[in-house]
Amino acid sequence: MTTIAIYDPALCCSTGVCGPEVDPKLVTFAAAVKWLQENGVAVTRHNLAQDPAAFVTNATVKTALTEKGADALPLILVNDRVVASGTYPSGADLAAAAGLAPGFAASTTTTEAESSGCCGGDDDATPGEGCCGGEGEEKSAGGCCGGADSATAQGSKRCCS
């Protein structure tokens, strides 16, 4: 079985697809990862902000960080071999590295990927939609709906407004 290990820079959530301004590259990459998982590839993601131990316990990642610093991230390993460093590969490139036909590009669109974010991709999210729950429910303590850096703290209508 093909395995892919993704070592992301510090992101606001596990995929980076949250908050008031989502990087389109992260949306596309998250969709590619989902497609790979649906096609039998074992994918693990490690976010520097949430799982720093993973970055020092893997010798390849530790060496890359020692040599290049944060510029080495994201670092993508396929079967323990570096296939990308410092940038997210395209879905087709990731599929090829995993030994799959690049059907990803034809089967997934940015719109589908955006709808799977923590806020449901809806710029006009209201309580009860996306990541916040309904009337009387607590907002989540972290991610796009909680904490001082949350979308609502920044005045966005993306979450919990």
N, C-alpha and C. Protein backbone atom coordinates (compact mmCIF):
# COMPACT_ATOMS: atom_id res chain seq x y z
N MET A 1 0.85 -1.18 0.00
CA MET A 1 0.00 0.00 0.00
C MET A 1 0.89 1.24 0.00
N THR A 2 0.51 2.19 -0.79
CA THR A 2 1.23 3.46 -0.85
C THR A 2 0.88 4.30 0.37
N THR A 3 1.89 4.92 0.96
CA THR A 3 1.66 5.82 2.08
C THR A 3 2.20 7.20 1.76
N ILE A 4 1.46 8.19 2.15
CA ILE A 4 1.87 9.58 1.97
C ILE A 4 1.85 10.25 3.34
N ALA A 5 2.95 10.90 3.67
CA ALA A 5 3.03 11.67 4.91
C ALA A 5 3.24 13.13 4.53
N ILE A 6 2.38 13.99 5.03
CA ILE A 6 2.42 15.41 4.71
C ILE A 6 2.81 16.16 5.99
N TYR A 7 3.86 16.94 5.89
CA TYR A 7 4.32 17.76 7.01
C TYR A 7 4.06 19.22 6.63
N ASP A 8 2.97 19.74 7.18
CA ASP A 8 2.53 21.10 6.87
C ASP A 8 3.22 22.11 7.77
N PRO A 9 3.37 23.35 7.28
CA PRO A 9 3.80 24.42 8.18
C PRO A 9 2.69 24.66 9.20
N ALA A 10 2.91 25.55 10.13
CA ALA A 10 1.88 25.85 11.13
C ALA A 10 0.65 26.42 10.43
N LEU A 11 -0.48 25.74 10.59
CA LEU A 11 -1.75 26.15 9.99
C LEU A 11 -2.78 26.31 11.10
N CYS A 12 -3.86 27.04 10.81
CA CYS A 12 -4.89 27.28 11.83
C CYS A 12 -5.67 26.03 12.20
N CYS A 13 -5.73 25.07 11.28
CA CYS A 13 -6.41 23.80 11.55
C CYS A 13 -5.68 22.70 10.80
N SER A 14 -6.15 21.49 10.87
CA SER A 14 -5.40 20.36 10.31
C SER A 14 -5.16 20.45 8.81
N THR A 15 -6.02 21.14 8.08
CA THR A 15 -5.85 21.24 6.63
C THR A 15 -5.52 22.65 6.16
N GLY A 16 -5.73 23.64 7.00
CA GLY A 16 -5.53 25.03 6.60
C GLY A 16 -6.72 25.57 5.84
N VAL A 17 -7.77 24.77 5.67
CA VAL A 17 -8.95 25.19 4.92
C VAL A 17 -10.00 25.68 5.91
N CYS A 18 -9.72 26.83 6.52
CA CYS A 18 -10.62 27.42 7.49
C CYS A 18 -10.26 28.90 7.65
N GLY A 19 -11.04 29.61 8.37
CA GLY A 19 -10.75 31.02 8.61
C GLY A 19 -11.34 31.92 7.54
N PRO A 20 -11.12 33.21 7.67
CA PRO A 20 -11.76 34.17 6.78
C PRO A 20 -11.15 34.23 5.38
N GLU A 21 -9.88 33.90 5.22
CA GLU A 21 -9.25 33.95 3.90
C GLU A 21 -8.51 32.65 3.65
N VAL A 22 -9.12 31.77 2.87
CA VAL A 22 -8.57 30.45 2.59
C VAL A 22 -7.69 30.52 1.35
N ASP A 23 -6.49 29.96 1.46
CA ASP A 23 -5.57 29.88 0.32
C ASP A 23 -6.12 28.85 -0.66
N PRO A 24 -6.38 29.23 -1.91
CA PRO A 24 -6.92 28.28 -2.89
C PRO A 24 -6.03 27.05 -3.10
N LYS A 25 -4.72 27.21 -2.94
CA LYS A 25 -3.83 26.06 -3.08
C LYS A 25 -4.11 25.01 -2.01
N LEU A 26 -4.43 25.46 -0.80
CA LEU A 26 -4.74 24.52 0.28
C LEU A 26 -6.07 23.83 0.04
N VAL A 27 -7.01 24.53 -0.54
CA VAL A 27 -8.31 23.94 -0.86
C VAL A 27 -8.13 22.82 -1.88
N THR A 28 -7.39 23.12 -2.94
CA THR A 28 -7.15 22.12 -3.98
C THR A 28 -6.36 20.95 -3.43
N PHE A 29 -5.36 21.24 -2.61
CA PHE A 29 -4.54 20.16 -2.04
C PHE A 29 -5.39 19.28 -1.12
N ALA A 30 -6.24 19.87 -0.30
CA ALA A 30 -7.11 19.10 0.60
C ALA A 30 -8.03 18.19 -0.21
N ALA A 31 -8.52 18.68 -1.33
CA ALA A 31 -9.37 17.86 -2.19
C ALA A 31 -8.57 16.70 -2.79
N ALA A 32 -7.33 16.96 -3.18
CA ALA A 32 -6.47 15.91 -3.72
C ALA A 32 -6.21 14.83 -2.67
N VAL A 33 -5.95 15.25 -1.44
CA VAL A 33 -5.71 14.30 -0.35
C VAL A 33 -6.95 13.44 -0.13
N LYS A 34 -8.11 14.06 -0.13
CA LYS A 34 -9.36 13.31 0.04
C LYS A 34 -9.53 12.29 -1.08
N TRP A 35 -9.25 12.70 -2.31
CA TRP A 35 -9.37 11.81 -3.46
C TRP A 35 -8.40 10.63 -3.31
N LEU A 36 -7.16 10.90 -2.89
CA LEU A 36 -6.19 9.83 -2.70
C LEU A 36 -6.66 8.83 -1.66
N GLN A 37 -7.20 9.33 -0.55
CA GLN A 37 -7.70 8.46 0.50
C GLN A 37 -8.85 7.60 -0.01
N GLU A 38 -9.73 8.19 -0.81
CA GLU A 38 -10.85 7.45 -1.37
C GLU A 38 -10.39 6.40 -2.37
N ASN A 39 -9.16 6.54 -2.86
CA ASN A 39 -8.61 5.60 -3.83
C ASN A 39 -7.55 4.69 -3.21
N GLY A 40 -7.62 4.49 -1.90
CA GLY A 40 -6.81 3.49 -1.23
C GLY A 40 -5.43 3.90 -0.75
N VAL A 41 -5.10 5.17 -0.81
CA VAL A 41 -3.78 5.62 -0.35
C VAL A 41 -3.90 6.02 1.13
N ALA A 42 -2.97 5.54 1.93
CA ALA A 42 -2.94 5.90 3.35
C ALA A 42 -2.22 7.24 3.48
N VAL A 43 -2.94 8.26 3.91
CA VAL A 43 -2.39 9.62 4.01
C VAL A 43 -2.44 10.07 5.47
N THR A 44 -1.31 10.58 5.95
CA THR A 44 -1.28 11.20 7.28
C THR A 44 -0.78 12.63 7.11
N ARG A 45 -1.37 13.54 7.89
CA ARG A 45 -0.95 14.94 7.87
C ARG A 45 -0.48 15.33 9.25
N HIS A 46 0.62 16.08 9.26
CA HIS A 46 1.18 16.59 10.51
C HIS A 46 1.30 18.10 10.38
N ASN A 47 0.66 18.81 11.28
CA ASN A 47 0.68 20.28 11.28
C ASN A 47 1.69 20.72 12.34
N LEU A 48 2.64 21.55 11.95
CA LEU A 48 3.68 21.98 12.87
C LEU A 48 3.10 22.60 14.15
N ALA A 49 1.99 23.31 14.03
CA ALA A 49 1.38 23.95 15.20
C ALA A 49 0.70 22.95 16.13
N GLN A 50 0.23 21.83 15.59
CA GLN A 50 -0.54 20.88 16.39
C GLN A 50 0.22 19.59 16.72
N ASP A 51 1.26 19.27 15.95
CA ASP A 51 1.96 18.00 16.13
C ASP A 51 3.47 18.17 15.92
N PRO A 52 4.11 19.06 16.69
CA PRO A 52 5.54 19.32 16.46
C PRO A 52 6.45 18.11 16.68
N ALA A 53 6.05 17.18 17.52
CA ALA A 53 6.89 16.00 17.79
C ALA A 53 7.11 15.18 16.52
N ALA A 54 6.13 15.14 15.64
CA ALA A 54 6.26 14.36 14.40
C ALA A 54 7.39 14.89 13.52
N PHE A 55 7.69 16.17 13.65
CA PHE A 55 8.71 16.80 12.81
C PHE A 55 10.13 16.46 13.28
N VAL A 56 10.28 16.12 14.53
CA VAL A 56 11.62 15.78 15.04
C VAL A 56 11.84 14.29 15.16
N THR A 57 10.77 13.50 15.12
CA THR A 57 10.95 12.05 15.22
C THR A 57 11.21 11.40 13.86
N ASN A 58 10.90 12.09 12.77
CA ASN A 58 11.18 11.56 11.43
C ASN A 58 12.52 12.14 10.97
N ALA A 59 13.51 11.28 10.75
CA ALA A 59 14.87 11.73 10.40
C ALA A 59 14.91 12.54 9.12
N THR A 60 14.12 12.17 8.12
CA THR A 60 14.10 12.91 6.85
C THR A 60 13.58 14.32 7.05
N VAL A 61 12.51 14.45 7.80
CA VAL A 61 11.91 15.76 8.06
C VAL A 61 12.85 16.61 8.91
N LYS A 62 13.42 15.99 9.93
CA LYS A 62 14.34 16.72 10.81
C LYS A 62 15.53 17.25 10.02
N THR A 63 16.09 16.46 9.11
CA THR A 63 17.21 16.89 8.28
C THR A 63 16.80 18.04 7.37
N ALA A 64 15.64 17.93 6.74
CA ALA A 64 15.15 19.00 5.85
C ALA A 64 14.99 20.30 6.61
N LEU A 65 14.43 20.22 7.82
CA LEU A 65 14.24 21.43 8.62
C LEU A 65 15.58 22.02 9.08
N THR A 66 16.53 21.16 9.39
CA THR A 66 17.86 21.63 9.80
C THR A 66 18.55 22.35 8.64
N GLU A 67 18.41 21.80 7.44
CA GLU A 67 19.08 22.37 6.27
C GLU A 67 18.38 23.60 5.69
N LYS A 68 17.04 23.57 5.64
CA LYS A 68 16.29 24.64 4.97
C LYS A 68 15.42 25.48 5.90
N GLY A 69 15.26 25.04 7.12
CA GLY A 69 14.36 25.74 8.03
C GLY A 69 12.93 25.58 7.58
N ALA A 70 12.11 26.56 7.92
CA ALA A 70 10.68 26.51 7.59
C ALA A 70 10.42 26.50 6.08
N ASP A 71 11.41 26.91 5.27
CA ASP A 71 11.24 26.88 3.82
C ASP A 71 11.10 25.46 3.28
N ALA A 72 11.45 24.45 4.07
CA ALA A 72 11.30 23.06 3.65
C ALA A 72 9.84 22.62 3.67
N LEU A 73 9.00 23.37 4.36
CA LEU A 73 7.59 23.01 4.51
C LEU A 73 6.71 23.71 3.49
N PRO A 74 5.69 23.03 3.00
CA PRO A 74 5.32 21.67 3.32
C PRO A 74 6.32 20.68 2.73
N LEU A 75 6.45 19.55 3.41
CA LEU A 75 7.30 18.46 2.97
C LEU A 75 6.40 17.25 2.76
N ILE A 76 6.44 16.69 1.56
CA ILE A 76 5.57 15.57 1.22
C ILE A 76 6.44 14.34 0.98
N LEU A 77 6.15 13.27 1.72
CA LEU A 77 6.86 12.00 1.56
C LEU A 77 5.90 10.95 1.02
N VAL A 78 6.32 10.25 -0.02
CA VAL A 78 5.56 9.11 -0.54
C VAL A 78 6.43 7.88 -0.32
N ASN A 79 5.92 6.94 0.46
CA ASN A 79 6.68 5.76 0.85
C ASN A 79 8.06 6.15 1.38
N ASP A 80 8.08 7.15 2.24
CA ASP A 80 9.28 7.66 2.92
C ASP A 80 10.29 8.34 1.99
N ARG A 81 9.88 8.69 0.78
CA ARG A 81 10.75 9.38 -0.17
C ARG A 81 10.19 10.78 -0.39
N VAL A 82 11.05 11.81 -0.32
CA VAL A 82 10.61 13.19 -0.52
C VAL A 82 10.19 13.39 -1.98
N VAL A 83 8.95 13.84 -2.18
CA VAL A 83 8.47 14.14 -3.53
C VAL A 83 8.20 15.63 -3.72
N ALA A 84 8.10 16.38 -2.63
CA ALA A 84 7.89 17.82 -2.73
C ALA A 84 8.38 18.48 -1.44
N SER A 85 8.99 19.65 -1.60
CA SER A 85 9.47 20.40 -0.45
C SER A 85 9.30 21.88 -0.74
N GLY A 86 8.68 22.59 0.20
CA GLY A 86 8.51 24.03 0.06
C GLY A 86 7.31 24.46 -0.74
N THR A 87 6.57 23.51 -1.29
CA THR A 87 5.38 23.83 -2.07
C THR A 87 4.45 22.62 -2.09
N TYR A 88 3.16 22.88 -2.26
CA TYR A 88 2.20 21.79 -2.38
C TYR A 88 2.15 21.35 -3.83
N PRO A 89 2.32 20.05 -4.10
CA PRO A 89 2.24 19.57 -5.48
C PRO A 89 0.80 19.60 -5.98
N SER A 90 0.63 19.57 -7.28
CA SER A 90 -0.71 19.51 -7.86
C SER A 90 -1.32 18.15 -7.56
N GLY A 91 -2.62 18.05 -7.69
CA GLY A 91 -3.30 16.78 -7.48
C GLY A 91 -2.79 15.71 -8.44
N ALA A 92 -2.56 16.10 -9.69
CA ALA A 92 -2.07 15.14 -10.70
C ALA A 92 -0.66 14.67 -10.34
N ASP A 93 0.20 15.58 -9.88
CA ASP A 93 1.56 15.19 -9.49
C ASP A 93 1.55 14.28 -8.27
N LEU A 94 0.67 14.58 -7.32
CA LEU A 94 0.56 13.76 -6.12
C LEU A 94 0.03 12.36 -6.47
N ALA A 95 -0.97 12.31 -7.35
CA ALA A 95 -1.51 11.02 -7.80
C ALA A 95 -0.43 10.20 -8.50
N ALA A 96 0.34 10.84 -9.37
CA ALA A 96 1.42 10.14 -10.08
C ALA A 96 2.48 9.62 -9.10
N ALA A 97 2.83 10.43 -8.12
CA ALA A 97 3.83 10.01 -7.13
C ALA A 97 3.32 8.81 -6.32
N ALA A 98 2.01 8.71 -6.15
CA ALA A 98 1.40 7.61 -5.42
C ALA A 98 1.16 6.39 -6.33
N GLY A 99 1.48 6.54 -7.61
CA GLY A 99 1.30 5.44 -8.55
C GLY A 99 -0.11 5.29 -9.07
N LEU A 100 -0.90 6.35 -9.00
CA LEU A 100 -2.27 6.32 -9.49
C LEU A 100 -2.40 7.14 -10.76
N ALA A 101 -3.36 6.76 -11.60
CA ALA A 101 -3.66 7.57 -12.78
C ALA A 101 -4.19 8.91 -12.28
N PRO A 102 -3.82 10.00 -12.94
CA PRO A 102 -4.22 11.33 -12.45
C PRO A 102 -5.68 11.67 -12.70
N GLY A 103 -6.60 10.85 -12.24
CA GLY A 103 -8.02 11.10 -12.40
C GLY A 103 -8.53 12.20 -11.49
N PHE A 104 -7.68 12.64 -10.56
CA PHE A 104 -8.08 13.66 -9.59
C PHE A 104 -8.56 14.92 -10.28
N ALA A 105 -7.82 15.43 -11.26
CA ALA A 105 -8.12 16.71 -11.89
C ALA A 105 -9.51 16.72 -12.52
N ALA A 106 -9.90 15.59 -13.06
CA ALA A 106 -11.19 15.53 -13.73
C ALA A 106 -12.35 15.31 -12.76
N SER A 107 -12.06 14.77 -11.57
CA SER A 107 -13.16 14.38 -10.69
C SER A 107 -13.42 15.34 -9.53
N THR A 108 -12.57 16.31 -9.31
CA THR A 108 -12.72 17.19 -8.16
C THR A 108 -12.57 18.64 -8.59
N THR A 109 -13.40 19.48 -8.04
CA THR A 109 -13.29 20.90 -8.35
C THR A 109 -13.07 21.68 -7.07
N THR A 110 -12.61 22.90 -7.20
CA THR A 110 -12.39 23.76 -6.04
C THR A 110 -13.70 23.97 -5.29
N THR A 111 -14.81 24.11 -6.01
CA THR A 111 -16.09 24.35 -5.35
C THR A 111 -16.44 23.20 -4.42
N GLU A 112 -16.23 21.95 -4.87
CA GLU A 112 -16.51 20.81 -4.00
C GLU A 112 -15.63 20.84 -2.77
N ALA A 113 -14.36 21.17 -2.96
CA ALA A 113 -13.42 21.19 -1.84
C ALA A 113 -13.77 22.28 -0.86
N GLU A 114 -14.15 23.44 -1.36
CA GLU A 114 -14.47 24.55 -0.45
C GLU A 114 -15.65 24.21 0.44
N SER A 115 -16.60 23.43 -0.08
CA SER A 115 -17.78 23.13 0.71
C SER A 115 -17.47 22.18 1.86
N SER A 116 -16.26 21.59 1.88
CA SER A 116 -15.93 20.68 2.96
C SER A 116 -15.12 21.34 4.07
N GLY A 117 -14.84 22.63 3.98
CA GLY A 117 -14.08 23.32 5.01
C GLY A 117 -14.86 23.40 6.30
N CYS A 118 -14.20 23.86 7.36
CA CYS A 118 -14.86 23.86 8.66
C CYS A 118 -16.06 24.78 8.70
N CYS A 119 -16.14 25.71 7.78
CA CYS A 119 -17.27 26.62 7.76
C CYS A 119 -18.23 26.30 6.62
N GLY A 120 -18.03 25.19 5.97
CA GLY A 120 -18.93 24.80 4.91
C GLY A 120 -18.74 25.61 3.65
N GLY A 121 -17.73 26.46 3.58
CA GLY A 121 -17.47 27.24 2.38
C GLY A 121 -18.46 28.36 2.16
N ASP A 122 -19.33 28.60 3.11
CA ASP A 122 -20.38 29.60 2.95
C ASP A 122 -19.94 30.91 3.56
N ASP A 123 -19.72 31.92 2.70
CA ASP A 123 -19.26 33.21 3.21
C ASP A 123 -20.29 33.88 4.12
N ASP A 124 -21.54 33.47 4.02
CA ASP A 124 -22.57 34.06 4.85
C ASP A 124 -23.07 33.06 5.90
N ALA A 125 -22.14 32.27 6.44
CA ALA A 125 -22.51 31.26 7.42
C ALA A 125 -23.21 31.90 8.60
N THR A 126 -24.20 31.19 9.08
CA THR A 126 -24.93 31.66 10.26
C THR A 126 -24.79 30.60 11.33
N PRO A 127 -25.07 30.95 12.58
CA PRO A 127 -25.02 29.93 13.62
C PRO A 127 -25.88 28.73 13.21
N GLY A 128 -25.35 27.54 13.45
CA GLY A 128 -26.05 26.34 13.04
C GLY A 128 -25.51 25.78 11.74
N GLU A 129 -24.69 26.55 11.02
CA GLU A 129 -24.08 26.08 9.79
C GLU A 129 -22.59 25.96 10.02
N GLY A 130 -21.92 25.20 9.16
CA GLY A 130 -20.46 25.14 9.23
C GLY A 130 -19.98 24.54 10.54
N CYS A 131 -19.16 25.29 11.27
CA CYS A 131 -18.48 24.70 12.43
C CYS A 131 -19.04 25.15 13.76
N CYS A 132 -20.15 25.82 13.82
CA CYS A 132 -20.55 26.45 15.07
C CYS A 132 -21.71 25.85 15.81
N GLY A 133 -22.49 25.00 15.20
CA GLY A 133 -23.63 24.45 15.93
C GLY A 133 -24.79 25.42 15.96
N GLY A 134 -25.87 24.97 16.53
CA GLY A 134 -27.10 25.76 16.51
C GLY A 134 -27.30 26.62 17.74
N GLU A 135 -28.48 27.15 17.84
CA GLU A 135 -28.89 28.02 18.93
C GLU A 135 -28.62 27.35 20.27
N GLY A 136 -27.95 28.06 21.16
CA GLY A 136 -27.69 27.57 22.48
C GLY A 136 -26.47 26.67 22.59
N GLU A 137 -25.84 26.32 21.45
CA GLU A 137 -24.65 25.48 21.51
C GLU A 137 -23.42 26.35 21.63
N GLU A 138 -22.42 25.84 22.29
CA GLU A 138 -21.17 26.56 22.47
C GLU A 138 -20.40 26.61 21.16
N LYS A 139 -19.74 27.73 20.92
CA LYS A 139 -18.81 27.81 19.80
C LYS A 139 -17.62 26.94 20.13
N SER A 140 -16.96 26.42 19.09
CA SER A 140 -15.81 25.56 19.37
C SER A 140 -14.69 26.39 19.99
N ALA A 141 -13.88 25.75 20.80
CA ALA A 141 -12.82 26.44 21.52
C ALA A 141 -11.65 26.81 20.62
N GLY A 142 -11.50 26.17 19.49
CA GLY A 142 -10.38 26.46 18.60
C GLY A 142 -10.85 26.51 17.18
N GLY A 143 -9.91 26.49 16.25
CA GLY A 143 -10.26 26.52 14.85
C GLY A 143 -10.82 27.86 14.44
N CYS A 144 -11.63 27.85 13.40
CA CYS A 144 -12.07 29.12 12.84
C CYS A 144 -13.12 29.82 13.69
N CYS A 145 -13.73 29.14 14.63
CA CYS A 145 -14.80 29.77 15.39
C CYS A 145 -14.45 30.15 16.82
N GLY A 146 -13.25 29.86 17.24
CA GLY A 146 -12.94 30.14 18.63
C GLY A 146 -11.62 30.85 18.78
N GLY A 147 -11.40 31.37 19.94
CA GLY A 147 -10.13 32.01 20.24
C GLY A 147 -10.03 33.42 19.70
N ALA A 148 -9.00 34.12 20.12
CA ALA A 148 -8.83 35.53 19.74
C ALA A 148 -8.55 35.70 18.27
N ASP A 149 -8.02 34.65 17.60
CA ASP A 149 -7.71 34.76 16.18
C ASP A 149 -8.83 34.25 15.30
N SER A 150 -9.99 34.02 15.87
CA SER A 150 -11.07 33.43 15.10
C SER A 150 -11.61 34.40 14.06
N ALA A 151 -12.36 33.84 13.13
CA ALA A 151 -12.96 34.64 12.07
C ALA A 151 -13.90 35.69 12.66
N THR A 152 -14.65 35.31 13.70
CA THR A 152 -15.59 36.28 14.26
C THR A 152 -14.85 37.39 14.99
N ALA A 153 -13.73 37.04 15.61
CA ALA A 153 -12.95 38.08 16.28
C ALA A 153 -12.39 39.08 15.28
N GLN A 154 -12.24 38.62 14.03
CA GLN A 154 -11.73 39.49 12.98
C GLN A 154 -12.86 40.16 12.22
N GLY A 155 -14.10 39.93 12.61
CA GLY A 155 -15.23 40.59 11.98
C GLY A 155 -15.73 39.90 10.73
N SER A 156 -15.31 38.69 10.47
CA SER A 156 -15.74 37.98 9.28
C SER A 156 -17.13 37.38 9.49
N LYS A 157 -17.87 37.22 8.39
CA LYS A 157 -19.15 36.54 8.46
C LYS A 157 -18.98 35.04 8.16
N ARG A 158 -17.74 34.56 7.99
CA ARG A 158 -17.51 33.16 7.62
C ARG A 158 -17.96 32.19 8.71
N CYS A 159 -17.76 32.52 9.96
CA CYS A 159 -18.12 31.59 11.03
C CYS A 159 -18.81 32.33 12.16
N CYS A 160 -19.87 31.75 12.65
CA CYS A 160 -20.48 32.14 13.92
C CYS A 160 -20.95 33.59 13.98
N SER A 161 -21.21 34.22 12.89
CA SER A 161 -21.67 35.62 13.01
C SER A 161 -23.16 35.70 12.86
